[in-house]
Structure formats: C-alpha cells, structure tokens
C-alpha atoms as a PDB file:
ATOM      1  CA  MET A   1      -0.013  -0.003   0.018  1.00  0.00           C
ATOM      2  CA  ASN A   2       1.136   3.496  -0.739  1.00  0.00           C
ATOM      3  CA  ALA A   3       1.931   4.988   2.684  1.00  0.00           C
ATOM      4  CA  LYS A   4       1.202   8.541   1.576  1.00  0.00           C
ATOM      5  CA  THR A   5      -2.295   8.081   0.242  1.00  0.00           C
ATOM      6  CA  ASN A   6      -3.093   4.753   2.009  1.00  0.00           C
ATOM      7  CA  ARG A   7      -4.866   3.786  -1.197  1.00  0.00           C
ATOM      8  CA  LEU A   8      -4.394   0.606  -3.180  1.00  0.00           C
ATOM      9  CA  ALA A   9      -3.323   0.901  -6.809  1.00  0.00           C
ATOM     10  CA  GLU A  10      -5.947   0.268  -9.450  1.00  0.00           C
ATOM     11  CA  GLU A  11      -4.088  -2.967 -10.411  1.00  0.00           C
ATOM     12  CA  GLU A  12      -4.259  -4.189  -6.823  1.00  0.00           C
ATOM     13  CA  ILE A  13      -7.975  -3.417  -6.524  1.00  0.00           C
ATOM     14  CA  LYS A  14      -8.673  -5.340  -9.758  1.00  0.00           C
ATOM     15  CA  ALA A  15      -6.551  -8.313  -8.680  1.00  0.00           C
ATOM     16  CA  ILE A  16      -8.287  -8.612  -5.342  1.00  0.00           C
ATOM     17  CA  MET A  17     -11.707  -8.330  -6.943  1.00  0.00           C
ATOM     18  CA  ARG A  18     -10.695 -10.975  -9.506  1.00  0.00           C
ATOM     19  CA  ALA A  19      -9.466 -13.304  -6.781  1.00  0.00           C
ATOM     20  CA  ALA A  20     -12.777 -12.837  -4.881  1.00  0.00           C
ATOM     21  CA  ASP A  21     -14.772 -14.037  -7.935  1.00  0.00           C
ATOM     22  CA  GLY A  22     -14.137 -17.683  -7.230  1.00  0.00           C
ATOM     23  CA  ILE A  23     -15.112 -17.609  -3.557  1.00  0.00           C
ATOM     24  CA  ILE A  24     -17.698 -14.823  -3.254  1.00  0.00           C
ATOM     25  CA  ALA A  25     -20.395 -15.543  -0.685  1.00  0.00           C
ATOM     26  CA  ASN A  26     -18.797 -18.951   0.005  1.00  0.00           C
ATOM     27  CA  GLU A  27     -15.512 -18.190   1.774  1.00  0.00           C
ATOM     28  CA  GLY A  28     -13.833 -15.599   3.818  1.00  0.00           C
ATOM     29  CA  ARG A  29     -10.955 -13.150   3.754  1.00  0.00           C
ATOM     30  CA  THR A  30      -8.377 -15.672   4.917  1.00  0.00           C
ATOM     31  CA  LEU A  31      -8.866 -17.892   1.923  1.00  0.00           C
ATOM     32  CA  LEU A  32      -8.957 -14.826  -0.282  1.00  0.00           C
ATOM     33  CA  ALA A  33      -5.582 -13.795   1.085  1.00  0.00           C
ATOM     34  CA  LYS A  34      -4.233 -17.276   0.491  1.00  0.00           C
ATOM     35  CA  ILE A  35      -5.265 -17.175  -3.179  1.00  0.00           C
ATOM     36  CA  LEU A  36      -3.467 -13.821  -3.582  1.00  0.00           C
ATOM     37  CA  LYS A  37      -0.429 -15.192  -1.701  1.00  0.00           C
ATOM     38  CA  GLY A  38      -0.281 -18.321  -3.908  1.00  0.00           C
ATOM     39  CA  SER A  39      -0.711 -20.753  -1.090  1.00  0.00           C
ATOM     40  CA  ARG A  40      -0.403 -24.438  -1.788  1.00  0.00           C
ATOM     41  CA  GLU A  41      -2.722 -25.248   1.164  1.00  0.00           C
ATOM     42  CA  LYS A  42      -4.971 -28.293   0.633  1.00  0.00           C
ATOM     43  CA  LYS A  43      -8.255 -26.341   0.527  1.00  0.00           C
ATOM     44  CA  VAL A  44      -6.883 -23.827  -2.062  1.00  0.00           C
ATOM     45  CA  LEU A  45      -5.849 -26.790  -4.327  1.00  0.00           C
ATOM     46  CA  GLN A  46      -9.062 -28.852  -3.691  1.00  0.00           C
ATOM     47  CA  LEU A  47     -11.197 -25.893  -4.768  1.00  0.00           C
ATOM     48  CA  GLU A  48      -8.835 -25.339  -7.754  1.00  0.00           C
ATOM     49  CA  LEU A  49      -8.296 -21.751  -6.672  1.00  0.00           C
ATOM     50  CA  ASP A  50      -4.678 -22.037  -7.943  1.00  0.00           C
ATOM     51  CA  ARG A  51      -6.238 -21.754 -11.407  1.00  0.00           C
ATOM     52  CA  CYS A  52      -7.373 -18.203 -10.693  1.00  0.00           C
ATOM     53  CA  PRO A  53      -5.631 -15.742 -13.046  1.00  0.00           C
ATOM     54  CA  VAL A  54      -4.369 -13.646 -10.081  1.00  0.00           C
ATOM     55  CA  TYR A  55      -3.288 -16.636  -7.977  1.00  0.00           C
ATOM     56  CA  GLY A  56       0.038 -15.616  -6.340  1.00  0.00           C
ATOM     57  CA  PHE A  57      -0.392 -11.890  -7.230  1.00  0.00           C
ATOM     58  CA  TYR A  58       1.141 -11.005  -3.841  1.00  0.00           C
ATOM     59  CA  LYS A  59       3.489 -14.024  -3.623  1.00  0.00           C
ATOM     60  CA  SER A  60       6.347 -11.989  -2.150  1.00  0.00           C
ATOM     61  CA  GLU A  61       4.118 -10.398   0.618  1.00  0.00           C
ATOM     62  CA  LYS A  62       3.319 -11.654   4.057  1.00  0.00           C
ATOM     63  CA  LEU A  63      -0.227 -12.937   4.669  1.00  0.00           C
ATOM     64  CA  ASP A  64      -0.856 -10.255   7.332  1.00  0.00           C
ATOM     65  CA  GLY A  65      -0.047  -7.533   4.725  1.00  0.00           C
ATOM     66  CA  ILE A  66      -2.433  -9.081   2.239  1.00  0.00           C
ATOM     67  CA  MET A  67      -5.159  -9.243   4.906  1.00  0.00           C
ATOM     68  CA  GLU A  68      -4.631  -5.501   5.486  1.00  0.00           C
ATOM     69  CA  LYS A  69      -5.210  -4.852   1.793  1.00  0.00           C
ATOM     70  CA  ILE A  70      -8.420  -6.949   1.881  1.00  0.00           C
ATOM     71  CA  ASP A  71      -9.528  -5.034   4.958  1.00  0.00           C
ATOM     72  CA  TRP A  72      -8.891  -1.808   3.044  1.00  0.00           C
ATOM     73  CA  MET A  73     -11.173  -3.129   0.273  1.00  0.00           C
ATOM     74  CA  VAL A  74     -13.888  -3.770   2.880  1.00  0.00           C
ATOM     75  CA  ASP A  75     -13.368  -0.359   4.549  1.00  0.00           C
ATOM     76  CA  HIS A  76     -13.677   1.399   1.130  1.00  0.00           C
ATOM     77  CA  ASP A  77     -16.805  -0.473   0.085  1.00  0.00           C
ATOM     78  CA  PHE A  78     -15.283  -2.593  -2.708  1.00  0.00           C
ATOM     79  CA  LEU A  79     -16.085  -5.824  -0.749  1.00  0.00           C
ATOM     80  CA  ASP A  80     -18.140  -6.544   2.335  1.00  0.00           C
ATOM     81  CA  ILE A  81     -18.473  -9.249   4.919  1.00  0.00           C
ATOM     82  CA  LYS A  82     -21.682 -11.156   5.481  1.00  0.00           C
ATOM     83  CA  TYR A  83     -22.095 -13.737   8.140  1.00  0.00           C
ATOM     84  CA  SER A  84     -23.307 -17.230   7.434  1.00  0.00           C
ATOM     85  CA  GLY A  85     -24.015 -18.428  10.964  1.00  0.00           C
ATOM     86  CA  LYS A  86     -20.782 -17.530  12.716  1.00  0.00           C
ATOM     87  CA  LEU A  87     -18.639 -17.675   9.609  1.00  0.00           C
ATOM     88  CA  PRO A  88     -17.734 -14.370   7.840  1.00  0.00           C
ATOM     89  CA  MET A  89     -18.020 -14.585   4.076  1.00  0.00           C
ATOM     90  CA  ILE A  90     -16.686 -12.107   1.542  1.00  0.00           C
ATOM     91  CA  ILE A  91     -19.373 -10.559  -0.692  1.00  0.00           C
ATOM     92  CA  TYR A  92     -19.523  -7.795  -3.262  1.00  0.00           C
ATOM     93  CA  THR A  93     -20.995  -4.443  -2.280  1.00  0.00           C
ATOM     94  CA  GLU A  94     -23.698  -2.706  -4.363  1.00  0.00           C
END
C-alpha cells in the first residue's frame, strides 16, 4: 500500500476483486488472502483456486499484509463481509 495516500493501486484493486470471484459468498478473507499469496494449502488446491488468473499476485508479501489490503477493500466499500451463521463470508457491495 502506498503509505502517503493509503490507497491501493488500481491494479491491486482489480486483482483482489478478481481473486474474490471464485469464492464470493462462500468463503472468507483468509482464503482470499491465501489465493493472492499463492498458497499451496490443501483447501486452495481442492477448490482449484490455484487456477485463478491472479493466484500468487502477492506471492512476495506476508499474509498479514495481504489481509490488510483486503480489509482496506472492505473499509472502502469494494467488498463486504456477510455472516453465514458464525462464519464471515466475503461478498460484493452494491
């Protein structure tokens, strides 16, 4: 993230939105971060999320940093969180 503006670059916003496509309303921000990180975790591979065009977009970043970017997307109304029981799911905003 650009420290001066605290805004994500357009390319980052598009990548995060694209990664969310495959899990929208079914999974949460942790799995979204793992897609963007390029995780080889069993669930990511089982759901074939490694086929996402932006899989590994943030491969050189730490998971915590990727989560901060996702939180920025939620805070700025690009994405939202809806609860399914006690589980938070990533959804699109209007």
